[in-house]
Protein backbone atom coordinates (compact mmCIF):
# COMPACT_ATOMS: atom_id res chain seq x y z
CA MET A 1 107.88 143.11 132.62
CA SER A 2 109.57 146.36 131.68
CA ALA A 3 112.86 147.57 133.07
CA ALA A 4 111.04 150.15 135.20
CA GLY A 5 108.83 147.42 136.67
CA LEU A 6 111.81 145.24 137.47
CA LEU A 7 113.52 148.21 139.10
CA ALA A 8 110.45 148.97 141.22
CA VAL A 9 110.12 145.36 142.36
CA ALA A 10 113.83 145.16 143.14
CA ALA A 11 113.67 148.40 145.14
CA GLY A 12 110.76 147.05 147.16
CA LEU A 13 112.58 143.82 147.88
CA VAL A 14 115.71 145.64 148.95
CA LEU A 15 113.59 147.84 151.24
CA THR A 16 112.06 144.71 152.76
CA CYS A 17 115.54 143.31 153.44
CA LEU A 18 116.67 146.54 155.04
CA VAL A 19 113.57 146.73 157.23
CA SER A 20 114.19 143.16 158.39
CA ILE A 21 117.76 143.84 159.49
CA PRO A 22 116.89 145.65 162.77
CA CYS A 23 114.78 142.68 163.81
CA ALA A 24 117.73 140.38 163.21
CA ALA A 25 119.86 142.67 165.34
CA GLY A 26 117.51 142.24 168.28
CA HIS A 27 115.16 145.20 167.94
CA PRO A 28 111.61 144.09 168.76
CA ARG A 29 109.94 146.97 166.94
CA VAL A 30 110.03 145.07 163.64
CA PRO A 31 107.65 142.08 163.53
CA LEU A 32 108.98 138.60 162.96
CA ALA A 33 107.03 138.39 159.70
CA ALA A 34 109.34 140.99 158.18
CA LEU A 35 112.36 138.92 159.16
CA ALA A 36 110.78 135.83 157.61
CA LEU A 37 110.32 137.73 154.35
CA ALA A 38 114.01 138.65 154.13
CA PRO A 39 115.28 135.33 152.67
CA VAL A 40 112.39 135.18 150.21
CA ALA A 41 113.03 138.77 149.15
CA ALA A 42 116.75 138.14 148.71
CA VAL A 43 116.22 135.05 146.55
CA THR A 44 113.57 136.80 144.47
CA LEU A 45 115.81 139.80 143.93
CA VAL A 46 118.68 137.64 142.70
CA LEU A 47 116.37 135.63 140.42
CA LEU A 48 114.94 138.80 138.89
CA SER A 49 118.43 140.07 138.23
CA ALA A 50 119.43 136.75 136.68
CA GLY A 51 116.36 136.82 134.43
CA GLY A 52 117.17 140.32 133.27
CA SER A 53 120.78 139.33 132.59
CA LEU A 54 119.70 136.35 130.49
CA THR A 55 117.25 138.51 128.55
CA ARG A 56 119.96 141.04 127.70
CA SER A 57 122.47 138.36 126.69
CA GLU A 58 120.00 136.67 124.33
CA ALA A 59 119.06 139.92 122.59
CA GLY A 60 120.50 140.38 119.10
CA PRO A 61 121.29 137.99 116.24
CA LEU A 62 124.37 136.42 117.86
CA ASP A 63 122.58 133.09 118.36
CA GLN A 64 122.01 132.90 114.62
CA ALA A 65 125.71 133.53 113.99
CA VAL A 66 126.60 130.77 116.44
CA ARG A 67 124.32 128.25 114.69
CA SER A 68 125.38 129.16 111.16
CA GLY A 69 129.08 129.70 111.88
CA THR A 70 129.23 132.57 109.39
CA SER A 71 131.71 135.41 109.67
CA PHE A 72 130.45 138.85 110.63
CA THR A 73 131.70 142.26 111.74
CA ALA A 74 131.48 142.86 115.46
CA VAL A 75 131.78 146.07 117.45
CA LEU A 76 133.07 145.11 120.87
CA ARG A 77 133.35 147.17 124.06
CA VAL A 78 136.08 145.75 126.29
CA THR A 79 134.99 145.13 129.89
CA GLY A 80 138.16 143.60 131.32
CA GLU A 81 141.92 143.65 131.02
CA PRO A 82 143.46 140.95 128.76
CA SER A 83 144.89 137.91 130.52
CA LEU A 84 147.59 135.67 129.06
CA LEU A 85 146.54 132.07 128.54
CA GLU A 86 148.76 129.19 129.60
CA PRO A 87 151.68 128.51 127.24
CA GLY A 88 150.99 125.69 124.85
CA ALA A 89 147.22 126.08 124.95
CA PHE A 90 147.28 127.27 121.32
CA ASP A 91 149.81 127.06 118.52
CA GLY A 92 151.22 130.08 116.78
CA GLY A 93 152.24 132.33 119.67
CA ASP A 94 150.70 133.81 122.77
CA ARG A 95 146.96 133.98 123.15
CA TYR A 96 145.00 136.35 125.36
CA LEU A 97 141.57 136.12 126.90
CA VAL A 98 139.56 139.35 126.70
CA ASP A 99 136.07 139.94 128.12
CA GLY A 100 133.72 142.28 126.31
CA ASP A 101 130.20 143.06 125.17
CA VAL A 102 129.15 142.94 121.52
CA VAL A 103 127.26 146.22 121.23
CA GLY A 104 126.68 146.14 117.46
CA GLY A 105 127.89 144.87 114.13
CA VAL A 106 126.95 143.76 110.63
CA LEU A 107 125.59 140.27 109.88
CA HIS A 108 124.47 139.22 106.38
CA GLY A 109 124.63 142.86 105.33
CA ASP A 110 122.27 144.04 108.05
CA SER A 111 123.38 146.21 110.94
CA PHE A 112 122.31 145.22 114.42
CA ALA A 113 122.57 146.51 117.96
CA ALA A 114 123.02 144.25 120.95
CA ARG A 115 124.52 143.96 124.40
CA THR A 116 125.76 140.39 124.44
CA PRO A 117 128.67 139.38 126.70
CA VAL A 118 131.35 137.39 124.92
CA VAL A 119 134.89 136.23 125.57
CA VAL A 120 137.55 136.79 122.90
CA ILE A 121 140.45 134.41 122.29
CA ALA A 122 142.83 136.86 120.66
CA SER A 123 146.40 137.11 119.44
CA SER A 124 149.14 139.32 120.87
CA GLU A 125 147.69 142.25 118.90
CA TRP A 126 145.04 142.49 121.62
CA ALA A 127 147.58 142.71 124.46
CA GLY A 128 147.35 146.50 124.53
CA VAL A 129 143.58 146.86 124.82
CA GLY A 130 142.09 148.12 128.06
CA THR A 131 138.78 148.43 129.82
CA GLY A 132 136.44 150.79 127.99
CA ASP A 133 138.18 150.51 124.60
CA THR A 134 136.02 149.94 121.53
CA VAL A 135 137.28 147.31 119.07
CA ARG A 136 135.99 146.61 115.57
CA VAL A 137 136.92 143.19 114.21
CA ILE A 138 135.77 140.50 111.79
CA GLY A 139 135.40 136.96 113.12
CA THR A 140 133.20 134.02 113.94
CA VAL A 141 131.49 132.95 117.14
CA LYS A 142 130.91 129.57 118.72
CA ALA A 143 129.08 128.30 121.76
CA PRO A 144 131.09 128.34 125.00
CA ASP A 145 132.40 125.07 126.41
CA ARG A 146 130.97 125.71 129.86
CA VAL A 147 128.13 127.65 131.43
CA GLY A 148 129.07 131.19 132.32
CA LYS A 149 128.37 134.84 131.77
CA ALA A 150 129.68 134.79 128.19
CA ALA A 151 127.00 133.84 125.66
CA ALA A 152 129.56 133.06 122.94
CA VAL A 153 133.28 132.81 122.17
CA LEU A 154 134.54 135.27 119.55
CA LEU A 155 137.40 134.11 117.30
CA PRO A 156 138.82 137.11 115.38
CA SER A 157 139.99 136.58 111.81
CA SER A 158 141.22 140.12 111.11
CA ARG A 159 143.40 142.74 112.72
CA PRO A 160 141.51 144.72 115.37
CA THR A 161 140.72 148.41 114.96
CA ILE A 162 141.04 149.87 118.45
CA ALA A 163 139.51 153.14 119.66
CA ALA A 164 140.92 154.04 123.06
CA ALA A 165 138.55 154.87 125.87
CA GLY A 166 138.22 158.44 127.03
CA GLY A 167 137.56 160.07 130.36
CA TRP A 168 138.65 158.47 133.60
CA LEU A 169 138.97 155.01 132.08
CA GLY A 170 141.35 156.27 129.43
CA TYR A 171 143.41 158.31 131.90
CA THR A 172 143.73 155.48 134.42
CA GLY A 173 144.56 153.04 131.62
CA ASP A 174 147.45 155.24 130.53
CA LEU A 175 148.58 155.50 134.14
CA ARG A 176 148.54 151.72 134.50
CA GLY A 177 150.66 151.35 131.39
CA ARG A 178 153.24 153.86 132.63
CA PHE A 179 153.46 152.17 136.01
CA ARG A 180 153.84 148.73 134.40
CA HIS A 181 156.63 150.01 132.16
CA GLN A 182 158.49 151.56 135.11
CA ALA A 183 158.07 148.49 137.32
CA VAL A 184 158.88 145.75 134.82
CA GLN A 185 162.02 147.19 133.26
CA ASP A 186 165.25 146.03 134.93
CA SER A 187 163.26 144.30 137.69
CA ARG A 188 164.36 141.08 139.35
CA ASP A 189 160.97 140.15 140.77
CA GLY A 190 159.49 138.73 137.58
CA GLY A 191 157.03 141.60 137.09
CA LEU A 192 155.38 140.95 140.46
CA LEU A 193 154.93 144.57 141.58
CA PRO A 194 152.19 145.56 139.08
CA GLY A 195 150.25 142.46 140.05
CA MET A 196 150.49 143.04 143.79
CA ALA A 197 149.78 146.78 143.59
CA LEU A 198 147.24 147.01 140.75
CA GLY A 199 146.30 143.44 139.87
CA ASP A 200 148.12 143.81 136.52
CA ARG A 201 149.57 140.37 135.67
CA ILE A 202 150.45 141.00 132.03
CA GLY A 203 154.19 141.26 132.74
CA LEU A 204 154.31 138.46 135.34
CA ASP A 205 156.85 135.73 134.63
CA SER A 206 155.15 132.39 133.89
CA GLU A 207 157.55 130.36 136.06
CA LEU A 208 157.06 132.69 139.01
CA GLU A 209 153.29 132.54 138.52
CA GLN A 210 153.43 128.74 138.69
CA ALA A 211 155.59 128.88 141.84
CA MET A 212 153.11 131.19 143.54
CA GLN A 213 150.27 128.88 142.60
CA THR A 214 152.14 125.93 144.12
CA THR A 215 152.72 127.77 147.39
CA GLY A 216 149.24 129.28 147.70
CA LEU A 217 150.36 132.87 147.06
CA THR A 218 148.38 133.46 143.86
CA HIS A 219 145.94 135.72 145.70
CA LEU A 220 148.75 138.26 146.13
CA THR A 221 148.95 138.82 142.37
CA ALA A 222 145.33 139.92 142.12
CA VAL A 223 143.41 142.75 143.72
CA SER A 224 141.72 141.21 146.72
CA GLY A 225 139.96 142.29 149.85
CA ALA A 226 143.32 142.67 151.56
CA ASN A 227 144.43 145.33 149.06
CA CYS A 228 141.21 147.26 149.53
CA SER A 229 141.54 146.89 153.30
CA TYR A 230 145.01 148.41 153.22
CA VAL A 231 143.81 151.38 151.18
CA VAL A 232 140.82 152.04 153.44
CA ALA A 233 142.78 151.50 156.65
CA PHE A 234 145.71 153.71 155.66
CA ALA A 235 143.38 156.48 154.45
CA PHE A 236 141.19 156.33 157.56
CA LEU A 237 144.03 156.10 160.08
CA GLY A 238 146.03 158.77 158.27
CA LEU A 239 143.15 161.21 158.44
CA ARG A 240 142.48 160.37 162.07
CA ALA A 241 146.16 160.92 162.86
CA VAL A 242 145.81 164.57 161.83
CA ARG A 243 142.69 164.89 164.05
CA VAL A 244 140.09 164.70 161.30
CA PRO A 245 136.67 163.78 162.79
CA ARG A 246 135.48 160.23 162.35
CA LEU A 247 132.75 160.93 159.77
CA PRO A 248 134.97 162.96 157.39
CA ALA A 249 137.71 160.36 157.85
CA CYS A 250 135.30 157.60 156.82
CA THR A 251 134.25 159.67 153.82
CA GLY A 252 137.87 160.17 152.82
CA ALA A 253 138.51 156.44 153.12
CA VAL A 254 135.56 155.68 150.85
CA VAL A 255 136.79 158.23 148.29
CA ALA A 256 140.26 156.67 148.38
CA LEU A 257 138.73 153.23 147.83
CA ALA A 258 136.67 154.52 144.89
CA GLY A 259 139.81 155.95 143.28
CA PHE A 260 141.62 152.66 143.82
CA VAL A 261 138.77 150.73 142.19
CA MET A 262 138.88 153.04 139.18
CA LEU A 263 142.63 152.50 138.89
CA VAL A 264 142.55 148.72 139.11
CA ARG A 265 139.37 148.59 136.96
CA PRO A 266 135.78 148.29 138.19
CA GLU A 267 135.38 144.67 137.17
CA PRO A 268 132.97 142.46 139.12
CA SER A 269 135.84 140.73 140.91
CA VAL A 270 137.31 144.09 141.94
CA LEU A 271 133.94 145.36 143.16
CA ARG A 272 133.55 142.16 145.13
CA ALA A 273 137.00 142.63 146.65
CA ALA A 274 136.20 146.25 147.50
CA VAL A 275 133.00 145.30 149.34
CA MET A 276 134.63 142.40 151.15
CA GLY A 277 137.69 144.45 152.04
CA THR A 278 135.56 147.23 153.46
CA ILE A 279 133.71 144.68 155.59
CA GLY A 280 137.01 143.33 156.88
CA VAL A 281 138.15 146.81 157.89
CA ALA A 282 134.79 147.46 159.56
CA ALA A 283 135.24 144.29 161.61
CA VAL A 284 138.68 145.42 162.78
CA LEU A 285 137.81 149.07 163.46
CA SER A 286 134.49 148.44 165.17
CA GLY A 287 135.24 145.16 166.90
CA ARG A 288 131.63 144.06 166.38
CA GLY A 289 131.73 140.67 164.70
CA LYS A 290 127.95 140.26 164.55
CA VAL A 291 127.56 143.51 162.64
CA SER A 292 130.35 142.46 160.28
CA LEU A 293 128.61 139.16 159.61
CA THR A 294 125.36 140.99 158.86
CA LEU A 295 127.15 143.31 156.45
CA LEU A 296 128.88 140.35 154.82
CA LEU A 297 125.59 138.57 154.15
CA LEU A 298 123.99 141.78 152.89
CA SER A 299 126.94 142.43 150.57
CA ILE A 300 126.58 138.94 149.11
CA ILE A 301 122.94 139.68 148.28
CA VAL A 302 123.83 143.02 146.70
CA LEU A 303 126.69 141.59 144.64
CA LEU A 304 124.64 138.65 143.39
CA ALA A 305 121.81 141.02 142.50
CA VAL A 306 124.20 143.19 140.49
CA ASP A 307 125.94 140.25 138.81
CA PRO A 308 124.20 136.87 139.30
CA TRP A 309 127.03 135.10 137.45
CA LEU A 310 129.24 135.61 140.49
CA SER A 311 127.41 132.65 142.01
CA ILE A 312 129.46 130.27 139.83
CA SER A 313 132.71 132.22 140.09
CA PHE A 314 135.42 130.45 142.08
CA ALA A 315 137.04 133.80 142.84
CA PHE A 316 133.81 135.01 144.45
CA MET A 317 133.42 131.77 146.40
CA LEU A 318 136.98 131.99 147.74
CA SER A 319 136.54 135.62 148.71
CA VAL A 320 133.31 134.93 150.58
CA ALA A 321 134.75 131.85 152.30
CA ALA A 322 137.90 133.64 153.44
CA THR A 323 136.00 136.67 154.72
CA LEU A 324 133.43 134.50 156.47
CA GLY A 325 136.21 132.62 158.20
CA LEU A 326 137.98 135.78 159.33
CA VAL A 327 134.77 137.35 160.65
CA THR A 328 133.37 134.30 162.44
CA ALA A 329 136.25 132.00 163.39
CA GLY A 330 139.22 134.37 163.17
CA PRO A 331 138.93 135.78 166.72
CA MET A 332 138.43 132.29 168.18
CA VAL A 333 141.44 130.87 166.35
CA ALA A 334 143.58 133.82 167.46
CA ALA A 335 142.45 133.34 171.06
CA ALA A 336 143.11 129.60 170.83
CA LEU A 337 146.61 130.10 169.50
CA GLY A 338 147.16 132.79 172.11
CA THR A 339 147.00 130.19 174.89
CA ALA A 340 150.32 128.74 173.72
CA LEU A 341 151.90 131.58 171.72
CA PRO A 342 152.48 135.30 172.22
CA ARG A 343 149.51 137.41 171.21
CA SER A 344 151.20 139.07 168.20
CA ILE A 345 152.38 135.75 166.75
CA ALA A 346 148.97 134.18 167.35
CA GLN A 347 147.23 136.95 165.42
CA ILE A 348 149.69 136.66 162.51
CA LEU A 349 149.13 132.90 162.28
CA ALA A 350 145.36 133.08 162.75
CA ILE A 351 144.66 135.02 159.54
CA PRO A 352 146.18 132.61 156.95
CA LEU A 353 145.24 129.54 158.99
CA THR A 354 141.57 130.49 159.21
CA ALA A 355 141.40 131.49 155.55
CA GLN A 356 143.08 128.24 154.53
CA LEU A 357 140.65 126.11 156.54
CA PHE A 358 137.62 127.82 155.01
CA CYS A 359 138.97 127.94 151.43
CA THR A 360 140.40 124.41 151.14
CA PRO A 361 137.09 122.73 150.12
CA ILE A 362 136.80 125.17 147.20
CA ILE A 363 140.47 124.97 146.22
CA VAL A 364 140.31 121.20 145.73
CA LEU A 365 137.42 121.69 143.29
CA ILE A 366 139.65 123.90 141.13
CA GLN A 367 142.70 121.67 141.39
CA PRO A 368 142.71 118.30 143.23
CA ALA A 369 145.89 119.10 145.14
CA LEU A 370 146.80 120.92 148.33
CA PRO A 371 149.69 123.38 148.71
CA ALA A 372 151.60 121.88 151.62
CA TYR A 373 153.54 125.05 152.37
CA SER A 374 150.71 127.54 151.98
CA LEU A 375 150.61 128.50 155.67
CA PRO A 376 154.37 129.15 156.11
CA ALA A 377 154.51 130.89 152.73
CA ASN A 378 151.71 133.29 153.65
CA VAL A 379 153.17 133.90 157.10
CA LEU A 380 156.59 134.72 155.61
CA ALA A 381 155.12 136.96 152.91
CA SER A 382 152.53 138.79 155.01
CA PRO A 383 154.88 141.28 156.75
CA VAL A 384 155.88 142.95 153.46
CA VAL A 385 152.52 142.88 151.65
CA PRO A 386 151.11 146.08 153.22
CA ALA A 387 154.34 147.96 152.50
CA ILE A 388 154.34 146.79 148.87
CA THR A 389 150.74 147.87 148.37
CA LEU A 390 151.26 151.26 150.01
CA LEU A 391 154.54 152.00 148.20
CA GLY A 392 153.01 150.89 144.91
CA MET A 393 150.03 153.20 145.36
CA VAL A 394 152.26 156.12 146.36
CA ALA A 395 154.44 155.43 143.31
CA VAL A 396 151.37 155.60 141.07
CA LEU A 397 150.42 158.94 142.62
CA ALA A 398 154.02 160.12 142.17
CA LEU A 399 153.78 159.39 138.44
CA VAL A 400 151.04 162.03 138.36
CA ALA A 401 152.36 164.65 140.77
CA ALA A 402 156.16 164.19 140.83
CA PRO A 403 157.46 161.63 138.30
CA VAL A 404 161.01 161.99 139.61
CA LEU A 405 159.95 160.34 142.90
CA ALA A 406 158.41 157.28 141.24
CA PRO A 407 161.63 155.28 140.55
CA PRO A 408 162.87 155.38 144.18
CA LEU A 409 159.46 154.34 145.46
CA ILE A 410 159.23 151.52 142.94
CA GLY A 411 162.73 150.40 143.88
CA ALA A 412 161.78 150.35 147.57
CA ALA A 413 158.65 148.32 146.83
CA GLN A 414 160.65 145.84 144.77
CA TRP A 415 162.70 144.94 147.83
CA GLY A 416 159.49 143.47 149.20
CA THR A 417 158.43 141.82 145.94
CA ARG A 418 161.83 140.16 145.64
CA TRP A 419 161.28 138.71 149.12
CA VAL A 420 157.85 137.36 148.11
CA ALA A 421 159.26 135.93 144.87
CA GLY A 422 162.11 134.27 146.79
CA VAL A 423 159.70 132.70 149.28
CA ALA A 424 157.55 131.33 146.44
CA GLU A 425 160.49 129.94 144.45
CA ILE A 426 162.20 128.30 147.44
CA LEU A 427 159.09 126.66 148.90
CA ALA A 428 157.80 125.61 145.47
CA THR A 429 160.94 123.50 144.93
CA ALA A 430 160.86 121.97 148.43
CA PRO A 431 159.99 118.26 148.76
CA GLY A 432 156.28 117.55 148.96
CA ALA A 433 155.22 121.04 147.95
CA THR A 434 151.99 119.70 146.43
CA LEU A 435 149.89 116.98 148.04
CA PRO A 436 147.49 115.01 145.80
CA TRP A 437 143.83 115.02 146.81
CA ILE A 438 140.55 113.42 145.83
CA ALA A 439 139.05 115.07 142.74
CA GLY A 440 135.52 116.40 142.38
CA PRO A 441 132.74 116.85 144.95
CA PRO A 442 133.87 113.88 147.11
CA GLY A 443 137.23 115.57 147.59
CA ALA A 444 135.51 118.83 148.53
CA ILE A 445 133.34 117.04 151.12
CA VAL A 446 136.35 115.28 152.66
CA ALA A 447 138.27 118.58 152.72
CA ALA A 448 135.34 120.33 154.42
CA LEU A 449 135.14 117.62 157.09
CA ALA A 450 138.90 117.81 157.62
CA SER A 451 138.72 121.59 157.99
CA LEU A 452 135.89 121.34 160.53
CA ALA A 453 137.77 118.67 162.47
CA SER A 454 140.95 120.75 162.49
CA LEU A 455 139.09 123.82 163.72
CA ALA A 456 137.29 121.86 166.44
CA LEU A 457 140.53 120.18 167.55
CA LEU A 458 142.29 123.53 167.74
CA LEU A 459 139.57 125.02 169.93
CA LEU A 460 139.40 121.94 172.17
CA LEU A 461 143.16 121.97 172.69
CA ALA A 462 143.00 125.65 173.53
CA GLN A 463 140.23 125.03 176.06
CA HIS A 464 142.18 122.14 177.60
CA THR A 465 145.27 124.33 177.89
CA ALA A 466 143.27 127.09 179.55
CA VAL A 467 141.74 124.65 182.07
CA ALA A 468 145.13 123.07 182.82
CA CYS A 469 146.60 126.49 183.55
CA ARG A 470 144.02 127.30 186.25
CA VAL A 471 145.38 127.30 189.81
CA LYS A 472 143.36 126.36 192.84
CA VAL A 473 143.06 129.42 195.04
CA PRO A 474 141.81 129.54 198.65
CA LEU A 475 138.26 130.74 199.01
CA THR A 476 139.37 133.72 201.07
CA GLN A 477 141.51 134.87 198.15
CA ARG A 478 138.78 134.22 195.59
CA LEU A 479 136.40 136.50 197.46
CA ARG A 480 138.81 139.42 197.15
CA VAL A 481 137.41 141.52 194.36
CA VAL A 482 139.79 144.05 192.81
CA GLY A 483 138.43 146.59 190.36
CA ALA A 484 139.71 149.55 188.41
CA ARG A 485 139.31 151.73 191.52
CA GLY A 486 140.29 149.15 194.11
CA ALA A 487 138.21 146.79 196.20
CA PHE A 488 134.56 147.75 196.21
CA LEU A 489 133.36 144.99 198.54
CA ARG A 490 133.07 146.53 202.01
CA GLN A 491 132.40 144.85 205.32
CA HIS A 492 129.69 146.21 207.64
CA ARG A 493 129.00 144.76 211.05
CA HIS A 494 125.62 146.50 211.15
CA PRO A 495 123.85 146.67 207.78
CA ARG A 496 121.39 149.42 207.03
CA ARG A 497 117.79 149.03 208.03
CA GLY A 498 115.83 146.81 205.70
CA GLN A 499 118.86 144.94 204.38
CA ALA A 500 119.15 142.08 206.85
CA ILE A 501 119.77 138.69 205.32
CA SER A 502 120.02 135.11 206.41
CA GLY A 503 121.09 131.86 204.88
CA SER A 504 121.22 128.23 205.85
CA ALA A 505 121.85 126.23 202.69
CA PRO A 506 125.36 124.82 202.26
CA LEU A 507 127.65 126.87 200.06
CA ALA A 508 128.57 124.39 197.36
CA GLY A 509 128.84 124.64 193.64
CA ARG A 510 131.16 125.23 190.77
CA GLY A 511 134.44 126.70 191.88
CA SER A 512 134.49 125.29 195.43
CA PHE A 513 137.83 123.98 196.57
CA PRO A 514 138.78 121.26 199.06
CA GLY A 515 138.20 122.38 202.59
CA HIS A 516 135.39 124.73 201.62
CA GLY A 517 131.80 123.91 200.87
CA ALA A 518 129.21 122.57 203.24
CA ALA A 519 131.27 123.58 206.23
CA SER A 520 131.83 127.06 204.93
CA GLY A 521 128.49 128.60 205.75
CA GLY A 522 125.30 129.27 203.89
CA ALA A 523 124.17 130.51 200.53
CA PRO A 524 123.20 134.20 200.59
CA ARG A 525 119.64 135.42 200.41
CA VAL A 526 118.69 138.94 199.46
CA SER A 527 116.18 141.16 201.20
CA GLY A 528 115.64 144.86 201.63
CA GLY A 529 115.89 147.92 199.46
CA PRO A 530 118.20 149.00 196.69
CA GLY A 531 121.36 147.74 198.41
CA ARG A 532 121.89 143.99 198.09
CA THR A 533 123.56 142.03 200.88
CA PHE A 534 124.64 138.51 201.60
CA ARG A 535 125.95 136.69 204.63
CA SER A 536 129.56 135.61 204.33
CA PRO A 537 130.54 131.97 204.81
CA ALA A 538 131.53 131.03 208.34
CA ARG A 539 135.27 130.95 207.59
CA ILE A 540 135.28 134.57 206.52
CA GLY A 541 133.56 135.94 209.59
CA ARG A 542 130.57 134.64 211.40
CA SER A 543 127.45 136.80 211.25
CA GLU A 544 129.29 139.52 209.30
CA PRO A 545 127.28 140.40 206.21
CA HIS A 546 129.12 141.92 203.28
CA VAL A 547 127.34 144.68 201.39
CA ALA A 548 127.80 145.15 197.65
CA PRO A 549 126.42 148.20 195.82
CA ALA A 550 123.16 147.64 193.99
CA GLY A 551 123.42 146.45 190.41
CA TYR A 552 127.06 145.39 190.59
CA ASP A 553 128.26 142.13 189.26
CA ARG A 554 131.69 140.71 188.55
CA VAL A 555 133.08 140.33 185.05
CA PRO A 556 136.56 139.26 183.86
CA VAL A 557 139.10 142.03 183.43
CA PRO A 558 140.36 142.75 179.88
CA ALA A 559 143.69 141.16 178.92
CA ARG A 560 145.60 144.38 179.47
CA ARG A 561 144.83 144.32 183.21
CA ARG A 562 146.52 142.18 185.81
CA ARG A 563 145.32 138.62 185.92
CA GLY A 564 143.18 137.66 188.83
CA SER A 565 141.28 140.91 189.07
CA CYS A 566 137.67 141.69 188.30
CA LEU A 567 135.91 144.88 187.35
CA PRO A 568 132.59 146.12 188.70
CA SER A 569 129.96 146.22 186.00
CA ARG A 570 126.67 148.10 186.20
CA SER A 571 123.90 145.68 185.39
CA SER A 572 120.34 146.28 186.48
CA SER A 573 119.54 142.61 185.80
CA SER A 574 122.07 141.33 188.31
CA PRO A 575 119.97 139.96 191.21
CA LEU A 576 122.81 138.95 193.45
CA PHE A 577 126.47 139.51 194.02
CA ARG A 578 127.67 135.92 193.60
CA PRO A 579 130.93 135.07 195.38
CA ASP A 580 131.12 131.70 193.62
CA SER A 581 130.22 132.88 190.09
CA SER A 582 132.05 131.83 186.95
CA CYS A 583 134.31 134.81 187.40
CA SER A 584 135.64 133.25 190.59
CA ASP A 585 137.00 130.03 189.14
CA ALA A 586 137.74 131.23 185.62
CA SER A 587 139.32 134.64 186.15
CA ILE A 588 140.75 134.74 189.69
CA ARG A 589 144.35 133.49 189.65
CA LEU A 590 146.97 132.94 192.30
CA ARG A 591 147.32 136.34 193.92
CA GLU A 592 150.45 135.60 195.90
CA ALA A 593 152.46 135.80 192.67
CA THR A 594 151.29 139.37 192.14
CA GLY A 595 151.39 140.50 195.71
């Protein structure tokens, strides 16, 4: 199938997915058959993309070079920033890992063109290359040790000839280098600022990097969804603060995010972080968790369709797991912790705790050990992370507009990075910083079960605490309904014509207290026109019906209102004003304490 055919099929499948979304959201206009096609369309789309990726990677004579082991000249386009390998992995100095695509070369005297992804194990001469640079080098290739995006491993045997990238990639690469130089010189944070602000870990101290890995803070040294969330949130809220309408403010936030992605490099991991970070901000700004979950699942499909190799990337798995936890279980964990802690502290603890519970099964696959102090380390570091990111971004902008302002901004940001470095170094040397765990899939299964049990136990304890805090209130107090505009339940000795009611069944059910029940009167029955009435229990007033406006029901008051009050809620489906509803025994509290 040609590229145009693949594109047409992919577009049709994407359209099918998009048409199925309204049905999933509860709109009956779309038939259920369309919703049933959505999973099939998503899987087919990803498989088509994977097939196209494999076809492109196998094009060219690189397989022949791998089998023969002969040296050839390769023209490489760099697709990622170089990363320093662990010390001692190779003899003879530092080695760097560089991702790129072999776009051409000369093999056995014949020129060829290709687009084969490779990974280069290079010397320190490659430390200065950047995304978009073109490198000409002589070397050999071998098969990779593990399955991945790279079709071969390139081992250079000559000095590289580097042609710097032009355009935006070249300009942003130069800007990254200037910022790294300003931040690393005379710094006492081990080169942490470039990593936290731009994901640039070239100048990061190896001992500090190990300490951050031990304490579960490694995610701070890479561009993640949190960084993208800060950029989008600050841009959106800043524009809204100067009374910019919502739509232009959203557009400005997206533009700011696009510029940030260009600065930190549009690698697949960065694009994944940008999509996930935007979803996280949407969950916070809209407060609609179901929509956020739908967007999360849709973004996974889109990202896997663009780059199917993300499906075996641990970074992608961790990002999806953390975001899924924050969208689905984050509000519940925060509410559970809020039963025993102040609301602000509960929200601070809920974010790292939820992410840790969802990411632990994947972490033990990477390294069979658990960071014992990951939760306190993240809690201690979290207050300064937004300030570091914002000051770092402003410092980068200052290098362009007003270079004289960059050093003070970098110095202010380094106060925060020194705090993060201190937290990592102190907790990494504490006793029991790393707990051994079962290796392999069995360890991941045990970790997943432990995470589920911990989450369930937390929610059960929160529910038990909430039930234990309930106070038995007399029935006469429970029937007092207080709304935003005062009591809306009015007594009428003579109801309007057509609204007479009667009742004889005992008033018993959930929420009844000792001394009230069968002897309290009868259950209300509705009759008449638009106004709905019920007869009060005998203790309230014999033969005195209470009249509630049509369509009103009782719902718990938001947390900001006084406990024990209820708000009227318009609901055409409410058949009866229920004095013993769940609102009565779950929301009404002791009113004597509040007057």
